[in-house]
Amino acid sequence: MRKNLYGRDVKHEIRNLRYSLKAVDRSLRRLAPMLSDAVSLNGVPRGNGHSHPRLSAKARASLVLQGRYMGYVRQLKLSQKAHVRKIRQTKGVRAAIQVARRMGREWARV
């Protein structure tokens, strides 16, 4: 029998390689159904309940404003938040963001 550099015979190495390839083959066979379930035929991922809806530019802009408003308002005291909410109802979100931003800056300086 021929020995390789590590003292093992070639037969033993081929047997190890075959076992490894069988293991890889089994893993791929188990993985294939999982992947086909995750992706539909046209390549678009299936919805899993956590997908994001497609938003129009107007809806996205609205969400951006909402995020800014919440970011500024969360830093204010309760009385300041109430004041900003009133401004939001009367003058709109943009005006409320400006007031909340100003209040946050004044509060940070103190």
PDB file of N, CA and C in Angstrom:
ATOM      1  N   MET A   1       0.829  -1.178   0.000  1.00  0.00           N
ATOM      2  CA  MET A   1       0.000   0.000   0.000  1.00  0.00           C
ATOM      3  C   MET A   1       0.872   1.240   0.000  1.00  0.00           C
ATOM      4  N   ARG A   2       0.365   2.258  -0.700  1.00  0.00           N
ATOM      5  CA  ARG A   2       1.109   3.524  -0.736  1.00  0.00           C
ATOM      6  C   ARG A   2       0.723   4.386   0.442  1.00  0.00           C
ATOM      7  N   LYS A   3       1.664   4.954   1.070  1.00  0.00           N
ATOM      8  CA  LYS A   3       1.444   5.857   2.195  1.00  0.00           C
ATOM      9  C   LYS A   3       1.672   7.285   1.736  1.00  0.00           C
ATOM     10  N   ASN A   4       0.887   8.189   2.296  1.00  0.00           N
ATOM     11  CA  ASN A   4       1.120   9.601   1.987  1.00  0.00           C
ATOM     12  C   ASN A   4       2.083  10.190   3.003  1.00  0.00           C
ATOM     13  N   LEU A   5       2.251  11.507   2.982  1.00  0.00           N
ATOM     14  CA  LEU A   5       3.221  12.153   3.867  1.00  0.00           C
ATOM     15  C   LEU A   5       2.873  11.992   5.339  1.00  0.00           C
ATOM     16  N   TYR A   6       1.596  11.811   5.647  1.00  0.00           N
ATOM     17  CA  TYR A   6       1.178  11.737   7.035  1.00  0.00           C
ATOM     18  C   TYR A   6       1.115  10.308   7.556  1.00  0.00           C
ATOM     19  N   GLY A   7       1.523   9.347   6.776  1.00  0.00           N
ATOM     20  CA  GLY A   7       1.560   7.974   7.228  1.00  0.00           C
ATOM     21  C   GLY A   7       0.263   7.211   7.008  1.00  0.00           C
ATOM     22  N   ARG A   8      -0.724   7.798   6.372  1.00  0.00           N
ATOM     23  CA  ARG A   8      -1.977   7.109   6.113  1.00  0.00           C
ATOM     24  C   ARG A   8      -1.966   6.568   4.694  1.00  0.00           C
ATOM     25  N   ASP A   9      -2.672   5.513   4.511  1.00  0.00           N
ATOM     26  CA  ASP A   9      -2.725   4.979   3.155  1.00  0.00           C
ATOM     27  C   ASP A   9      -3.769   5.727   2.329  1.00  0.00           C
ATOM     28  N   VAL A  10      -3.640   5.656   1.030  1.00  0.00           N
ATOM     29  CA  VAL A  10      -4.490   6.386   0.091  1.00  0.00           C
ATOM     30  C   VAL A  10      -5.936   5.908   0.209  1.00  0.00           C
ATOM     31  N   LYS A  11      -6.115   4.593   0.436  1.00  0.00           N
ATOM     32  CA  LYS A  11      -7.450   4.039   0.576  1.00  0.00           C
ATOM     33  C   LYS A  11      -8.212   4.713   1.718  1.00  0.00           C
ATOM     34  N   HIS A  12      -7.526   4.884   2.821  1.00  0.00           N
ATOM     35  CA  HIS A  12      -8.131   5.515   3.987  1.00  0.00           C
ATOM     36  C   HIS A  12      -8.547   6.958   3.672  1.00  0.00           C
ATOM     37  N   GLU A  13      -7.713   7.699   2.984  1.00  0.00           N
ATOM     38  CA  GLU A  13      -8.011   9.086   2.624  1.00  0.00           C
ATOM     39  C   GLU A  13      -9.200   9.157   1.673  1.00  0.00           C
ATOM     40  N   ILE A  14      -9.266   8.243   0.723  1.00  0.00           N
ATOM     41  CA  ILE A  14     -10.396   8.232  -0.219  1.00  0.00           C
ATOM     42  C   ILE A  14     -11.688   7.919   0.541  1.00  0.00           C
ATOM     43  N   ARG A  15     -11.631   6.990   1.472  1.00  0.00           N
ATOM     44  CA  ARG A  15     -12.813   6.650   2.259  1.00  0.00           C
ATOM     45  C   ARG A  15     -13.277   7.866   3.063  1.00  0.00           C
ATOM     46  N   ASN A  16     -12.358   8.568   3.689  1.00  0.00           N
ATOM     47  CA  ASN A  16     -12.713   9.783   4.435  1.00  0.00           C
ATOM     48  C   ASN A  16     -13.340  10.835   3.523  1.00  0.00           C
ATOM     49  N   LEU A  17     -12.790  10.983   2.328  1.00  0.00           N
ATOM     50  CA  LEU A  17     -13.322  11.949   1.372  1.00  0.00           C
ATOM     51  C   LEU A  17     -14.746  11.580   0.960  1.00  0.00           C
ATOM     52  N   ARG A  18     -14.999  10.288   0.726  1.00  0.00           N
ATOM     53  CA  ARG A  18     -16.335   9.837   0.341  1.00  0.00           C
ATOM     54  C   ARG A  18     -17.336  10.115   1.454  1.00  0.00           C
ATOM     55  N   TYR A  19     -16.970   9.839   2.711  1.00  0.00           N
ATOM     56  CA  TYR A  19     -17.858  10.114   3.836  1.00  0.00           C
ATOM     57  C   TYR A  19     -18.162  11.615   3.932  1.00  0.00           C
ATOM     58  N   SER A  20     -17.153  12.422   3.733  1.00  0.00           N
ATOM     59  CA  SER A  20     -17.344  13.868   3.802  1.00  0.00           C
ATOM     60  C   SER A  20     -18.271  14.343   2.686  1.00  0.00           C
ATOM     61  N   LEU A  21     -18.065  13.809   1.488  1.00  0.00           N
ATOM     62  CA  LEU A  21     -18.931  14.205   0.376  1.00  0.00           C
ATOM     63  C   LEU A  21     -20.370  13.764   0.594  1.00  0.00           C
ATOM     64  N   LYS A  22     -20.544  12.578   1.195  1.00  0.00           N
ATOM     65  CA  LYS A  22     -21.901  12.123   1.505  1.00  0.00           C
ATOM     66  C   LYS A  22     -22.566  13.063   2.513  1.00  0.00           C
ATOM     67  N   ALA A  23     -21.801  13.501   3.488  1.00  0.00           N
ATOM     68  CA  ALA A  23     -22.345  14.415   4.496  1.00  0.00           C
ATOM     69  C   ALA A  23     -22.743  15.745   3.863  1.00  0.00           C
ATOM     70  N   VAL A  24     -21.916  16.241   2.958  1.00  0.00           N
ATOM     71  CA  VAL A  24     -22.236  17.489   2.261  1.00  0.00           C
ATOM     72  C   VAL A  24     -23.488  17.293   1.411  1.00  0.00           C
ATOM     73  N   ASP A  25     -23.583  16.158   0.727  1.00  0.00           N
ATOM     74  CA  ASP A  25     -24.745  15.860  -0.099  1.00  0.00           C
ATOM     75  C   ASP A  25     -26.014  15.815   0.748  1.00  0.00           C
ATOM     76  N   ARG A  26     -25.953  15.159   1.909  1.00  0.00           N
ATOM     77  CA  ARG A  26     -27.112  15.101   2.794  1.00  0.00           C
ATOM     78  C   ARG A  26     -27.512  16.501   3.264  1.00  0.00           C
ATOM     79  N   SER A  27     -26.542  17.320   3.611  1.00  0.00           N
ATOM     80  CA  SER A  27     -26.840  18.688   4.059  1.00  0.00           C
ATOM     81  C   SER A  27     -27.500  19.489   2.954  1.00  0.00           C
ATOM     82  N   LEU A  28     -26.993  19.376   1.734  1.00  0.00           N
ATOM     83  CA  LEU A  28     -27.582  20.109   0.615  1.00  0.00           C
ATOM     84  C   LEU A  28     -28.997  19.632   0.326  1.00  0.00           C
ATOM     85  N   ARG A  29     -29.245  18.327   0.460  1.00  0.00           N
ATOM     86  CA  ARG A  29     -30.595  17.800   0.229  1.00  0.00           C
ATOM     87  C   ARG A  29     -31.565  18.318   1.285  1.00  0.00           C
ATOM     88  N   ARG A  30     -31.118  18.473   2.514  1.00  0.00           N
ATOM     89  CA  ARG A  30     -31.985  19.040   3.555  1.00  0.00           C
ATOM     90  C   ARG A  30     -32.177  20.532   3.360  1.00  0.00           C
ATOM     91  N   LEU A  31     -31.163  21.214   2.861  1.00  0.00           N
ATOM     92  CA  LEU A  31     -31.204  22.660   2.704  1.00  0.00           C
ATOM     93  C   LEU A  31     -32.043  23.092   1.508  1.00  0.00           C
ATOM     94  N   ALA A  32     -32.078  22.303   0.452  1.00  0.00           N
ATOM     95  CA  ALA A  32     -32.784  22.685  -0.773  1.00  0.00           C
ATOM     96  C   ALA A  32     -34.261  22.986  -0.543  1.00  0.00           C
ATOM     97  N   PRO A  33     -35.017  22.154   0.170  1.00  0.00           N
ATOM     98  CA  PRO A  33     -36.427  22.499   0.390  1.00  0.00           C
ATOM     99  C   PRO A  33     -36.609  23.781   1.199  1.00  0.00           C
ATOM    100  N   MET A  34     -35.713  24.003   2.144  1.00  0.00           N
ATOM    101  CA  MET A  34     -35.812  25.232   2.932  1.00  0.00           C
ATOM    102  C   MET A  34     -35.631  26.457   2.054  1.00  0.00           C
ATOM    103  N   LEU A  35     -34.671  26.399   1.158  1.00  0.00           N
ATOM    104  CA  LEU A  35     -34.423  27.532   0.273  1.00  0.00           C
ATOM    105  C   LEU A  35     -35.556  27.716  -0.718  1.00  0.00           C
ATOM    106  N   SER A  36     -36.107  26.625  -1.236  1.00  0.00           N
ATOM    107  CA  SER A  36     -37.189  26.761  -2.206  1.00  0.00           C
ATOM    108  C   SER A  36     -38.445  27.290  -1.535  1.00  0.00           C
ATOM    109  N   ASP A  37     -38.643  27.008  -0.246  1.00  0.00           N
ATOM    110  CA  ASP A  37     -39.781  27.563   0.473  1.00  0.00           C
ATOM    111  C   ASP A  37     -39.603  29.059   0.712  1.00  0.00           C
ATOM    112  N   ALA A  38     -38.371  29.481   0.910  1.00  0.00           N
ATOM    113  CA  ALA A  38     -38.114  30.886   1.220  1.00  0.00           C
ATOM    114  C   ALA A  38     -38.237  31.777  -0.003  1.00  0.00           C
ATOM    115  N   VAL A  39     -37.966  31.233  -1.178  1.00  0.00           N
ATOM    116  CA  VAL A  39     -37.981  32.048  -2.391  1.00  0.00           C
ATOM    117  C   VAL A  39     -39.002  31.455  -3.356  1.00  0.00           C
ATOM    118  N   SER A  40     -39.858  32.311  -3.905  1.00  0.00           N
ATOM    119  CA  SER A  40     -40.851  31.822  -4.853  1.00  0.00           C
ATOM    120  C   SER A  40     -40.219  31.652  -6.227  1.00  0.00           C
ATOM    121  N   LEU A  41     -41.024  31.260  -7.178  1.00  0.00           N
ATOM    122  CA  LEU A  41     -40.495  30.950  -8.516  1.00  0.00           C
ATOM    123  C   LEU A  41     -39.881  32.151  -9.227  1.00  0.00           C
ATOM    124  N   ASN A  42     -40.439  33.347  -9.013  1.00  0.00           N
ATOM    125  CA  ASN A  42     -39.909  34.508  -9.729  1.00  0.00           C
ATOM    126  C   ASN A  42     -38.768  35.191  -8.985  1.00  0.00           C
ATOM    127  N   GLY A  43     -38.284  34.603  -7.917  1.00  0.00           N
ATOM    128  CA  GLY A  43     -37.114  35.144  -7.227  1.00  0.00           C
ATOM    129  C   GLY A  43     -37.437  36.162  -6.161  1.00  0.00           C
ATOM    130  N   VAL A  44     -38.726  36.480  -5.974  1.00  0.00           N
ATOM    131  CA  VAL A  44     -39.108  37.446  -4.956  1.00  0.00           C
ATOM    132  C   VAL A  44     -39.345  36.686  -3.656  1.00  0.00           C
ATOM    133  N   PRO A  45     -38.764  37.135  -2.554  1.00  0.00           N
ATOM    134  CA  PRO A  45     -38.973  36.429  -1.301  1.00  0.00           C
ATOM    135  C   PRO A  45     -40.450  36.424  -0.909  1.00  0.00           C
ATOM    136  N   ARG A  46     -40.886  35.331  -0.331  1.00  0.00           N
ATOM    137  CA  ARG A  46     -42.267  35.234   0.125  1.00  0.00           C
ATOM    138  C   ARG A  46     -42.437  36.071   1.373  1.00  0.00           C
ATOM    139  N   GLY A  47     -43.627  36.570   1.557  1.00  0.00           N
ATOM    140  CA  GLY A  47     -43.903  37.352   2.751  1.00  0.00           C
ATOM    141  C   GLY A  47     -43.976  36.461   3.966  1.00  0.00           C
ATOM    142  N   ASN A  48     -43.344  36.857   5.033  1.00  0.00           N
ATOM    143  CA  ASN A  48     -43.368  36.087   6.261  1.00  0.00           C
ATOM    144  C   ASN A  48     -44.071  36.850   7.376  1.00  0.00           C
ATOM    145  N   GLY A  49     -44.803  37.893   7.016  1.00  0.00           N
ATOM    146  CA  GLY A  49     -45.471  38.691   8.025  1.00  0.00           C
ATOM    147  C   GLY A  49     -44.616  39.815   8.556  1.00  0.00           C
ATOM    148  N   HIS A  50     -43.339  39.800   8.223  1.00  0.00           N
ATOM    149  CA  HIS A  50     -42.438  40.843   8.708  1.00  0.00           C
ATOM    150  C   HIS A  50     -41.896  41.695   7.565  1.00  0.00           C
ATOM    151  N   SER A  51     -42.439  41.517   6.385  1.00  0.00           N
ATOM    152  CA  SER A  51     -41.912  42.265   5.244  1.00  0.00           C
ATOM    153  C   SER A  51     -42.430  43.700   5.289  1.00  0.00           C
ATOM    154  N   HIS A  52     -41.707  44.582   4.681  1.00  0.00           N
ATOM    155  CA  HIS A  52     -42.066  45.987   4.670  1.00  0.00           C
ATOM    156  C   HIS A  52     -42.917  46.286   3.445  1.00  0.00           C
ATOM    157  N   PRO A  53     -44.015  46.998   3.630  1.00  0.00           N
ATOM    158  CA  PRO A  53     -44.829  47.341   2.466  1.00  0.00           C
ATOM    159  C   PRO A  53     -44.123  48.386   1.608  1.00  0.00           C
ATOM    160  N   ARG A  54     -44.454  48.398   0.341  1.00  0.00           N
ATOM    161  CA  ARG A  54     -43.885  49.418  -0.537  1.00  0.00           C
ATOM    162  C   ARG A  54     -44.584  50.741  -0.240  1.00  0.00           C
ATOM    163  N   LEU A  55     -43.787  51.772  -0.009  1.00  0.00           N
ATOM    164  CA  LEU A  55     -44.351  53.064   0.358  1.00  0.00           C
ATOM    165  C   LEU A  55     -44.209  54.049  -0.781  1.00  0.00           C
ATOM    166  N   SER A  56     -45.217  54.893  -0.914  1.00  0.00           N
ATOM    167  CA  SER A  56     -45.116  55.973  -1.886  1.00  0.00           C
ATOM    168  C   SER A  56     -44.187  57.043  -1.313  1.00  0.00           C
ATOM    169  N   ALA A  57     -43.787  57.966  -2.151  1.00  0.00           N
ATOM    170  CA  ALA A  57     -42.891  59.037  -1.701  1.00  0.00           C
ATOM    171  C   ALA A  57     -43.570  59.873  -0.622  1.00  0.00           C
ATOM    172  N   LYS A  58     -44.865  60.092  -0.791  1.00  0.00           N
ATOM    173  CA  LYS A  58     -45.615  60.892   0.182  1.00  0.00           C
ATOM    174  C   LYS A  58     -45.686  60.180   1.533  1.00  0.00           C
ATOM    175  N   ALA A  59     -45.933  58.881   1.505  1.00  0.00           N
ATOM    176  CA  ALA A  59     -46.012  58.118   2.751  1.00  0.00           C
ATOM    177  C   ALA A  59     -44.653  58.057   3.439  1.00  0.00           C
ATOM    178  N   ARG A  60     -43.591  57.886   2.657  1.00  0.00           N
ATOM    179  CA  ARG A  60     -42.241  57.840   3.233  1.00  0.00           C
ATOM    180  C   ARG A  60     -41.885  59.182   3.870  1.00  0.00           C
ATOM    181  N   ALA A  61     -42.225  60.275   3.196  1.00  0.00           N
ATOM    182  CA  ALA A  61     -41.958  61.608   3.741  1.00  0.00           C
ATOM    183  C   ALA A  61     -42.735  61.812   5.035  1.00  0.00           C
ATOM    184  N   SER A  62     -43.954  61.293   5.085  1.00  0.00           N
ATOM    185  CA  SER A  62     -44.758  61.397   6.295  1.00  0.00           C
ATOM    186  C   SER A  62     -44.109  60.641   7.450  1.00  0.00           C
ATOM    187  N   LEU A  63     -43.565  59.463   7.159  1.00  0.00           N
ATOM    188  CA  LEU A  63     -42.887  58.696   8.196  1.00  0.00           C
ATOM    189  C   LEU A  63     -41.610  59.386   8.674  1.00  0.00           C
ATOM    190  N   VAL A  64     -40.921  60.033   7.765  1.00  0.00           N
ATOM    191  CA  VAL A  64     -39.709  60.767   8.147  1.00  0.00           C
ATOM    192  C   VAL A  64     -40.075  61.901   9.097  1.00  0.00           C
ATOM    193  N   LEU A  65     -41.140  62.640   8.762  1.00  0.00           N
ATOM    194  CA  LEU A  65     -41.577  63.731   9.640  1.00  0.00           C
ATOM    195  C   LEU A  65     -42.004  63.189  11.001  1.00  0.00           C
ATOM    196  N   GLN A  66     -42.731  62.087  10.991  1.00  0.00           N
ATOM    197  CA  GLN A  66     -43.169  61.494  12.249  1.00  0.00           C
ATOM    198  C   GLN A  66     -41.965  61.108  13.103  1.00  0.00           C
ATOM    199  N   GLY A  67     -40.944  60.549  12.488  1.00  0.00           N
ATOM    200  CA  GLY A  67     -39.748  60.166  13.221  1.00  0.00           C
ATOM    201  C   GLY A  67     -39.026  61.360  13.813  1.00  0.00           C
ATOM    202  N   ARG A  68     -38.942  62.431  13.040  1.00  0.00           N
ATOM    203  CA  ARG A  68     -38.298  63.645  13.565  1.00  0.00           C
ATOM    204  C   ARG A  68     -39.080  64.202  14.743  1.00  0.00           C
ATOM    205  N   TYR A  69     -40.404  64.253  14.565  1.00  0.00           N
ATOM    206  CA  TYR A  69     -41.278  64.765  15.632  1.00  0.00           C
ATOM    207  C   TYR A  69     -41.067  63.946  16.910  1.00  0.00           C
ATOM    208  N   MET A  70     -41.112  62.634  16.784  1.00  0.00           N
ATOM    209  CA  MET A  70     -40.964  61.780  17.967  1.00  0.00           C
ATOM    210  C   MET A  70     -39.581  61.929  18.592  1.00  0.00           C
ATOM    211  N   GLY A  71     -38.566  62.074  17.741  1.00  0.00           N
ATOM    212  CA  GLY A  71     -37.213  62.222  18.250  1.00  0.00           C
ATOM    213  C   GLY A  71     -37.026  63.477  19.077  1.00  0.00           C
ATOM    214  N   TYR A  72     -37.649  64.564  18.638  1.00  0.00           N
ATOM    215  CA  TYR A  72     -37.528  65.815  19.392  1.00  0.00           C
ATOM    216  C   TYR A  72     -38.427  65.816  20.619  1.00  0.00           C
ATOM    217  N   VAL A  73     -39.645  65.296  20.474  1.00  0.00           N
ATOM    218  CA  VAL A  73     -40.605  65.365  21.567  1.00  0.00           C
ATOM    219  C   VAL A  73     -40.216  64.456  22.727  1.00  0.00           C
ATOM    220  N   ARG A  74     -39.600  63.340  22.454  1.00  0.00           N
ATOM    221  CA  ARG A  74     -39.287  62.404  23.537  1.00  0.00           C
ATOM    222  C   ARG A  74     -38.273  62.983  24.516  1.00  0.00           C
ATOM    223  N   GLN A  75     -37.549  64.008  24.116  1.00  0.00           N
ATOM    224  CA  GLN A  75     -36.537  64.590  24.993  1.00  0.00           C
ATOM    225  C   GLN A  75     -37.097  65.692  25.884  1.00  0.00           C
ATOM    226  N   LEU A  76     -38.365  66.045  25.672  1.00  0.00           N
ATOM    227  CA  LEU A  76     -38.950  67.173  26.392  1.00  0.00           C
ATOM    228  C   LEU A  76     -39.616  66.722  27.682  1.00  0.00           C
ATOM    229  N   LYS A  77     -39.872  67.690  28.561  1.00  0.00           N
ATOM    230  CA  LYS A  77     -40.624  67.432  29.784  1.00  0.00           C
ATOM    231  C   LYS A  77     -42.104  67.330  29.436  1.00  0.00           C
ATOM    232  N   LEU A  78     -42.889  66.826  30.357  1.00  0.00           N
ATOM    233  CA  LEU A  78     -44.312  66.596  30.100  1.00  0.00           C
ATOM    234  C   LEU A  78     -45.056  67.870  29.714  1.00  0.00           C
ATOM    235  N   SER A  79     -44.797  68.953  30.418  1.00  0.00           N
ATOM    236  CA  SER A  79     -45.493  70.204  30.099  1.00  0.00           C
ATOM    237  C   SER A  79     -45.096  70.703  28.709  1.00  0.00           C
ATOM    238  N   GLN A  80     -43.823  70.532  28.347  1.00  0.00           N
ATOM    239  CA  GLN A  80     -43.371  70.937  27.018  1.00  0.00           C
ATOM    240  C   GLN A  80     -43.997  70.058  25.938  1.00  0.00           C
ATOM    241  N   LYS A  81     -44.119  68.765  26.223  1.00  0.00           N
ATOM    242  CA  LYS A  81     -44.749  67.864  25.270  1.00  0.00           C
ATOM    243  C   LYS A  81     -46.191  68.261  25.012  1.00  0.00           C
ATOM    244  N   ALA A  82     -46.907  68.620  26.069  1.00  0.00           N
ATOM    245  CA  ALA A  82     -48.300  69.036  25.915  1.00  0.00           C
ATOM    246  C   ALA A  82     -48.390  70.283  25.039  1.00  0.00           C
ATOM    247  N   HIS A  83     -47.473  71.207  25.251  1.00  0.00           N
ATOM    248  CA  HIS A  83     -47.455  72.437  24.448  1.00  0.00           C
ATOM    249  C   HIS A  83     -47.192  72.115  22.971  1.00  0.00           C
ATOM    250  N   VAL A  84     -46.247  71.240  22.710  1.00  0.00           N
ATOM    251  CA  VAL A  84     -45.914  70.863  21.332  1.00  0.00           C
ATOM    252  C   VAL A  84     -47.086  70.121  20.685  1.00  0.00           C
ATOM    253  N   ARG A  85     -47.796  69.288  21.458  1.00  0.00           N
ATOM    254  CA  ARG A  85     -48.966  68.578  20.909  1.00  0.00           C
ATOM    255  C   ARG A  85     -50.046  69.553  20.462  1.00  0.00           C
ATOM    256  N   LYS A  86     -50.254  70.602  21.261  1.00  0.00           N
ATOM    257  CA  LYS A  86     -51.254  71.610  20.881  1.00  0.00           C
ATOM    258  C   LYS A  86     -50.851  72.305  19.592  1.00  0.00           C
ATOM    259  N   ILE A  87     -49.582  72.627  19.469  1.00  0.00           N
ATOM    260  CA  ILE A  87     -49.095  73.272  18.249  1.00  0.00           C
ATOM    261  C   ILE A  87     -49.261  72.336  17.064  1.00  0.00           C
ATOM    262  N   ARG A  88     -49.031  71.058  17.286  1.00  0.00           N
ATOM    263  CA  ARG A  88     -49.193  70.087  16.198  1.00  0.00           C
ATOM    264  C   ARG A  88     -50.642  70.040  15.715  1.00  0.00           C
ATOM    265  N   GLN A  89     -51.576  70.111  16.651  1.00  0.00           N
ATOM    266  CA  GLN A  89     -52.978  70.075  16.259  1.00  0.00           C
ATOM    267  C   GLN A  89     -53.401  71.328  15.515  1.00  0.00           C
ATOM    268  N   THR A  90     -52.883  72.475  15.937  1.00  0.00           N
ATOM    269  CA  THR A  90     -53.331  73.724  15.329  1.00  0.00           C
ATOM    270  C   THR A  90     -52.545  74.085  14.070  1.00  0.00           C
ATOM    271  N   LYS A  91     -51.220  73.971  14.120  1.00  0.00           N
ATOM    272  CA  LYS A  91     -50.398  74.465  13.017  1.00  0.00           C
ATOM    273  C   LYS A  91     -49.769  73.373  12.161  1.00  0.00           C
ATOM    274  N   GLY A  92     -49.755  72.133  12.657  1.00  0.00           N
ATOM    275  CA  GLY A  92     -49.204  71.048  11.863  1.00  0.00           C
ATOM    276  C   GLY A  92     -47.895  70.500  12.421  1.00  0.00           C
ATOM    277  N   VAL A  93     -47.444  69.440  11.776  1.00  0.00           N
ATOM    278  CA  VAL A  93     -46.274  68.712  12.261  1.00  0.00           C
ATOM    279  C   VAL A  93     -44.998  69.529  12.102  1.00  0.00           C
ATOM    280  N   ARG A  94     -44.840  70.184  10.968  1.00  0.00           N
ATOM    281  CA  ARG A  94     -43.595  70.935  10.734  1.00  0.00           C
ATOM    282  C   ARG A  94     -43.388  72.033  11.774  1.00  0.00           C
ATOM    283  N   ALA A  95     -44.447  72.759  12.086  1.00  0.00           N
ATOM    284  CA  ALA A  95     -44.346  73.809  13.107  1.00  0.00           C
ATOM    285  C   ALA A  95     -44.038  73.198  14.468  1.00  0.00           C
ATOM    286  N   ALA A  96     -44.659  72.055  14.772  1.00  0.00           N
ATOM    287  CA  ALA A  96     -44.403  71.392  16.054  1.00  0.00           C
ATOM    288  C   ALA A  96     -42.957  70.926  16.144  1.00  0.00           C
ATOM    289  N   ILE A  97     -42.411  70.453  15.043  1.00  0.00           N
ATOM    290  CA  ILE A  97     -41.010  70.014  15.034  1.00  0.00           C
ATOM    291  C   ILE A  97     -40.090  71.188  15.320  1.00  0.00           C
ATOM    292  N   GLN A  98     -40.373  72.330  14.707  1.00  0.00           N
ATOM    293  CA  GLN A  98     -39.532  73.511  14.933  1.00  0.00           C
ATOM    294  C   GLN A  98     -39.568  73.946  16.395  1.00  0.00           C
ATOM    295  N   VAL A  99     -40.770  73.963  16.975  1.00  0.00           N
ATOM    296  CA  VAL A  99     -40.894  74.382  18.376  1.00  0.00           C
ATOM    297  C   VAL A  99     -40.200  73.378  19.296  1.00  0.00           C
ATOM    298  N   ALA A 100     -40.415  72.097  19.055  1.00  0.00           N
ATOM    299  CA  ALA A 100     -39.797  71.076  19.901  1.00  0.00           C
ATOM    300  C   ALA A 100     -38.284  71.134  19.785  1.00  0.00           C
ATOM    301  N   ARG A 101     -37.801  71.388  18.595  1.00  0.00           N
ATOM    302  CA  ARG A 101     -36.354  71.494  18.378  1.00  0.00           C
ATOM    303  C   ARG A 101     -35.786  72.667  19.175  1.00  0.00           C
ATOM    304  N   ARG A 102     -36.488  73.797  19.101  1.00  0.00           N
ATOM    305  CA  ARG A 102     -36.051  74.980  19.832  1.00  0.00           C
ATOM    306  C   ARG A 102     -36.070  74.725  21.339  1.00  0.00           C
ATOM    307  N   MET A 103     -37.146  74.091  21.819  1.00  0.00           N
ATOM    308  CA  MET A 103     -37.248  73.799  23.256  1.00  0.00           C
ATOM    309  C   MET A 103     -36.135  72.859  23.693  1.00  0.00           C
ATOM    310  N   GLY A 104     -35.820  71.882  22.874  1.00  0.00           N
ATOM    311  CA  GLY A 104     -34.748  70.945  23.206  1.00  0.00           C
ATOM    312  C   GLY A 104     -33.402  71.625  23.294  1.00  0.00           C
ATOM    313  N   ARG A 105     -33.171  72.571  22.408  1.00  0.00           N
ATOM    314  CA  ARG A 105     -31.896  73.303  22.448  1.00  0.00           C
ATOM    315  C   ARG A 105     -31.801  74.154  23.700  1.00  0.00           C
ATOM    316  N   GLU A 106     -32.934  74.834  24.045  1.00  0.00           N
ATOM    317  CA  GLU A 106     -32.923  75.684  25.244  1.00  0.00           C
ATOM    318  C   GLU A 106     -32.704  74.841  26.489  1.00  0.00           C
ATOM    319  N   TRP A 107     -33.337  73.665  26.520  1.00  0.00           N
ATOM    320  CA  TRP A 107     -33.206  72.793  27.671  1.00  0.00           C
ATOM    321  C   TRP A 107     -31.786  72.269  27.801  1.00  0.00           C
ATOM    322  N   ALA A 108     -31.133  72.019  26.651  1.00  0.00           N
ATOM    323  CA  ALA A 108     -29.776  71.481  26.667  1.00  0.00           C
ATOM    324  C   ALA A 108     -28.778  72.517  27.179  1.00  0.00           C
ATOM    325  N   ARG A 109     -29.064  73.780  26.946  1.00  0.00           N
ATOM    326  CA  ARG A 109     -28.152  74.836  27.383  1.00  0.00           C
ATOM    327  C   ARG A 109     -28.199  75.044  28.875  1.00  0.00           C
ATOM    328  N   VAL A 110     -29.330  74.715  29.504  1.00  0.00           N
ATOM    329  CA  VAL A 110     -29.505  74.972  30.934  1.00  0.00           C
ATOM    330  C   VAL A 110     -28.750  74.020  31.772  1.00  0.00           C
TER     331      VAL A 110
END
